[in-house]
Amino acid sequence: MRKVKIYITLKEGVLDPQGKAVQNSLHSLEYKNVNEVRVGKYMEVMLEDAENLEEQIDKMCDQLLANPVIEDYTYTIEEVV
């Protein structure tokens, strides 16, 4: 069994209105040194071992979990004992 930790973020140059709202809120709380906030998604997926595990993860991300037009993703794979 493998635990896949998937991190999805907006591509560089894509506007992030949610991140901007968080940044503005932090500024209103007097955290004036915050220059930029980018908001993303984090997911954990449990998968059975397979020969083509990384290929499956890439397909899941490209087809459903991320929008490849505006989002990038990275992931790590951990063995579950």
N, C-alpha and C. Protein backbone atom coordinates (compact mmCIF):
# COMPACT_ATOMS: atom_id res chain seq x y z
N MET A 1 0.86 -1.18 0.00
CA MET A 1 0.00 0.00 0.00
C MET A 1 0.89 1.23 0.00
N ARG A 2 0.49 2.23 -0.77
CA ARG A 2 1.24 3.49 -0.87
C ARG A 2 0.34 4.67 -0.54
N LYS A 3 0.92 5.64 0.14
CA LYS A 3 0.22 6.91 0.38
C LYS A 3 0.84 7.94 -0.56
N VAL A 4 0.00 8.54 -1.39
CA VAL A 4 0.46 9.55 -2.33
C VAL A 4 0.00 10.91 -1.81
N LYS A 5 0.95 11.81 -1.60
CA LYS A 5 0.64 13.17 -1.17
C LYS A 5 0.76 14.07 -2.39
N ILE A 6 -0.37 14.67 -2.77
CA ILE A 6 -0.42 15.47 -3.99
C ILE A 6 -0.60 16.94 -3.63
N TYR A 7 0.25 17.77 -4.21
CA TYR A 7 0.21 19.21 -3.98
C TYR A 7 -0.12 19.89 -5.32
N ILE A 8 -1.20 20.65 -5.34
CA ILE A 8 -1.64 21.32 -6.57
C ILE A 8 -1.60 22.82 -6.34
N THR A 9 -0.93 23.53 -7.25
CA THR A 9 -0.81 24.98 -7.15
C THR A 9 -1.11 25.61 -8.50
N LEU A 10 -1.50 26.87 -8.45
CA LEU A 10 -1.71 27.59 -9.69
C LEU A 10 -0.38 27.83 -10.38
N LYS A 11 -0.37 27.78 -11.69
CA LYS A 11 0.84 28.05 -12.45
C LYS A 11 1.28 29.49 -12.23
N GLU A 12 2.58 29.70 -12.36
CA GLU A 12 3.13 31.05 -12.24
C GLU A 12 2.46 31.94 -13.29
N GLY A 13 2.04 33.11 -12.89
CA GLY A 13 1.40 34.04 -13.82
C GLY A 13 -0.12 33.96 -13.83
N VAL A 14 -0.70 32.91 -13.23
CA VAL A 14 -2.15 32.80 -13.15
C VAL A 14 -2.61 33.58 -11.91
N LEU A 15 -3.57 34.45 -12.10
CA LEU A 15 -4.08 35.24 -10.98
C LEU A 15 -4.67 34.34 -9.91
N ASP A 16 -4.45 34.70 -8.65
CA ASP A 16 -4.93 33.92 -7.51
C ASP A 16 -5.76 34.82 -6.61
N PRO A 17 -7.06 35.02 -6.93
CA PRO A 17 -7.88 35.92 -6.12
C PRO A 17 -8.02 35.45 -4.67
N GLN A 18 -8.04 34.15 -4.44
CA GLN A 18 -8.14 33.65 -3.06
C GLN A 18 -6.86 33.98 -2.29
N GLY A 19 -5.73 33.81 -2.93
CA GLY A 19 -4.46 34.16 -2.30
C GLY A 19 -4.38 35.65 -2.00
N LYS A 20 -4.87 36.48 -2.93
CA LYS A 20 -4.88 37.93 -2.73
C LYS A 20 -5.77 38.31 -1.54
N ALA A 21 -6.92 37.64 -1.41
CA ALA A 21 -7.82 37.91 -0.28
C ALA A 21 -7.15 37.54 1.04
N VAL A 22 -6.44 36.42 1.07
CA VAL A 22 -5.72 36.02 2.29
C VAL A 22 -4.62 37.03 2.60
N GLN A 23 -3.89 37.46 1.57
CA GLN A 23 -2.85 38.46 1.77
C GLN A 23 -3.43 39.75 2.35
N ASN A 24 -4.53 40.22 1.79
CA ASN A 24 -5.17 41.44 2.30
C ASN A 24 -5.62 41.27 3.75
N SER A 25 -6.15 40.11 4.07
CA SER A 25 -6.57 39.85 5.46
C SER A 25 -5.38 39.85 6.40
N LEU A 26 -4.27 39.25 5.97
CA LEU A 26 -3.07 39.26 6.81
C LEU A 26 -2.56 40.68 7.00
N HIS A 27 -2.61 41.48 5.95
CA HIS A 27 -2.20 42.89 6.08
C HIS A 27 -3.09 43.62 7.08
N SER A 28 -4.41 43.35 7.04
CA SER A 28 -5.32 44.01 7.97
C SER A 28 -5.07 43.57 9.41
N LEU A 29 -4.45 42.42 9.58
CA LEU A 29 -4.07 41.94 10.92
C LEU A 29 -2.65 42.39 11.30
N GLU A 30 -2.12 43.34 10.52
CA GLU A 30 -0.83 43.97 10.78
C GLU A 30 0.38 43.10 10.40
N TYR A 31 0.18 42.08 9.57
CA TYR A 31 1.31 41.31 9.03
C TYR A 31 1.70 41.95 7.71
N LYS A 32 2.29 43.12 7.81
CA LYS A 32 2.60 43.94 6.63
C LYS A 32 3.76 43.39 5.81
N ASN A 33 4.55 42.48 6.37
CA ASN A 33 5.69 41.94 5.64
C ASN A 33 5.32 40.78 4.71
N VAL A 34 4.05 40.42 4.61
CA VAL A 34 3.61 39.37 3.69
C VAL A 34 3.54 39.96 2.29
N ASN A 35 4.38 39.48 1.38
CA ASN A 35 4.45 40.01 0.03
C ASN A 35 3.49 39.34 -0.94
N GLU A 36 3.26 38.04 -0.76
CA GLU A 36 2.39 37.31 -1.67
C GLU A 36 1.90 36.05 -0.99
N VAL A 37 0.66 35.67 -1.31
CA VAL A 37 0.09 34.41 -0.83
C VAL A 37 -0.46 33.69 -2.05
N ARG A 38 -0.13 32.43 -2.19
CA ARG A 38 -0.67 31.58 -3.25
C ARG A 38 -1.39 30.43 -2.55
N VAL A 39 -2.62 30.20 -2.91
CA VAL A 39 -3.43 29.15 -2.29
C VAL A 39 -3.46 27.95 -3.22
N GLY A 40 -3.31 26.76 -2.66
CA GLY A 40 -3.33 25.53 -3.44
C GLY A 40 -4.18 24.47 -2.78
N LYS A 41 -4.02 23.25 -3.26
CA LYS A 41 -4.77 22.12 -2.72
C LYS A 41 -3.77 21.02 -2.31
N TYR A 42 -4.16 20.27 -1.30
CA TYR A 42 -3.37 19.13 -0.84
C TYR A 42 -4.30 17.95 -0.74
N MET A 43 -3.88 16.81 -1.26
CA MET A 43 -4.69 15.59 -1.20
C MET A 43 -3.81 14.41 -0.82
N GLU A 44 -4.40 13.45 -0.12
CA GLU A 44 -3.74 12.18 0.14
C GLU A 44 -4.58 11.09 -0.49
N VAL A 45 -3.92 10.22 -1.26
CA VAL A 45 -4.61 9.12 -1.94
C VAL A 45 -3.88 7.84 -1.55
N MET A 46 -4.63 6.85 -1.09
CA MET A 46 -4.07 5.54 -0.76
C MET A 46 -4.26 4.63 -1.97
N LEU A 47 -3.15 4.02 -2.42
CA LEU A 47 -3.19 3.16 -3.61
C LEU A 47 -2.49 1.84 -3.33
N GLU A 48 -3.00 0.80 -3.95
CA GLU A 48 -2.31 -0.47 -3.93
C GLU A 48 -1.06 -0.35 -4.80
N ASP A 49 -0.04 -1.11 -4.49
CA ASP A 49 1.17 -1.12 -5.31
C ASP A 49 0.84 -1.56 -6.72
N ALA A 50 1.50 -0.94 -7.70
CA ALA A 50 1.32 -1.31 -9.10
C ALA A 50 2.60 -0.97 -9.84
N GLU A 51 2.84 -1.66 -10.95
CA GLU A 51 4.05 -1.42 -11.74
C GLU A 51 4.08 0.00 -12.29
N ASN A 52 2.95 0.50 -12.71
CA ASN A 52 2.86 1.81 -13.35
C ASN A 52 2.23 2.85 -12.43
N LEU A 53 2.60 2.82 -11.17
CA LEU A 53 1.98 3.68 -10.16
C LEU A 53 2.13 5.17 -10.52
N GLU A 54 3.32 5.60 -10.88
CA GLU A 54 3.53 7.02 -11.20
C GLU A 54 2.73 7.43 -12.43
N GLU A 55 2.63 6.55 -13.40
CA GLU A 55 1.82 6.84 -14.59
C GLU A 55 0.34 7.00 -14.21
N GLN A 56 -0.14 6.14 -13.31
CA GLN A 56 -1.53 6.24 -12.84
C GLN A 56 -1.76 7.56 -12.11
N ILE A 57 -0.82 7.95 -11.27
CA ILE A 57 -0.97 9.20 -10.51
C ILE A 57 -1.01 10.38 -11.47
N ASP A 58 -0.10 10.39 -12.45
CA ASP A 58 -0.09 11.48 -13.43
C ASP A 58 -1.43 11.55 -14.17
N LYS A 59 -1.97 10.41 -14.56
CA LYS A 59 -3.26 10.40 -15.26
C LYS A 59 -4.38 10.91 -14.37
N MET A 60 -4.39 10.49 -13.09
CA MET A 60 -5.42 10.97 -12.17
C MET A 60 -5.36 12.49 -12.03
N CYS A 61 -4.15 13.00 -11.91
CA CYS A 61 -3.98 14.45 -11.76
C CYS A 61 -4.41 15.18 -13.03
N ASP A 62 -3.98 14.69 -14.18
CA ASP A 62 -4.30 15.35 -15.45
C ASP A 62 -5.78 15.27 -15.81
N GLN A 63 -6.43 14.16 -15.44
CA GLN A 63 -7.82 13.95 -15.84
C GLN A 63 -8.83 14.50 -14.84
N LEU A 64 -8.47 14.58 -13.56
CA LEU A 64 -9.48 14.96 -12.57
C LEU A 64 -8.99 15.89 -11.48
N LEU A 65 -7.87 15.57 -10.87
CA LEU A 65 -7.48 16.26 -9.64
C LEU A 65 -6.96 17.67 -9.88
N ALA A 66 -6.30 17.90 -11.00
CA ALA A 66 -5.75 19.22 -11.31
C ALA A 66 -6.26 19.66 -12.68
N ASN A 67 -6.26 20.95 -12.88
CA ASN A 67 -6.58 21.50 -14.20
C ASN A 67 -5.25 21.84 -14.86
N PRO A 68 -4.79 20.99 -15.79
CA PRO A 68 -3.45 21.19 -16.35
C PRO A 68 -3.26 22.49 -17.12
N VAL A 69 -4.34 23.17 -17.45
CA VAL A 69 -4.23 24.45 -18.16
C VAL A 69 -3.72 25.55 -17.22
N ILE A 70 -4.19 25.53 -15.97
CA ILE A 70 -3.84 26.61 -15.03
C ILE A 70 -3.13 26.13 -13.76
N GLU A 71 -3.01 24.81 -13.57
CA GLU A 71 -2.42 24.30 -12.34
C GLU A 71 -1.24 23.37 -12.62
N ASP A 72 -0.29 23.39 -11.70
CA ASP A 72 0.82 22.44 -11.67
C ASP A 72 0.59 21.51 -10.48
N TYR A 73 1.22 20.35 -10.54
CA TYR A 73 1.13 19.45 -9.40
C TYR A 73 2.47 18.75 -9.18
N THR A 74 2.69 18.40 -7.94
CA THR A 74 3.82 17.55 -7.56
C THR A 74 3.27 16.54 -6.58
N TYR A 75 4.00 15.46 -6.39
CA TYR A 75 3.55 14.47 -5.43
C TYR A 75 4.73 13.69 -4.87
N THR A 76 4.48 13.11 -3.72
CA THR A 76 5.43 12.17 -3.11
C THR A 76 4.69 10.88 -2.87
N ILE A 77 5.45 9.79 -2.88
CA ILE A 77 4.87 8.47 -2.65
C ILE A 77 5.56 7.88 -1.43
N GLU A 78 4.74 7.47 -0.46
CA GLU A 78 5.28 6.87 0.77
C GLU A 78 4.75 5.45 0.91
N GLU A 79 5.58 4.58 1.41
CA GLU A 79 5.13 3.22 1.69
C GLU A 79 4.42 3.22 3.04
N VAL A 80 3.26 2.59 3.08
CA VAL A 80 2.49 2.48 4.32
C VAL A 80 2.79 1.10 4.91
N VAL A 81 3.23 1.10 6.14
CA VAL A 81 3.58 -0.15 6.79
C VAL A 81 2.40 -0.71 7.55
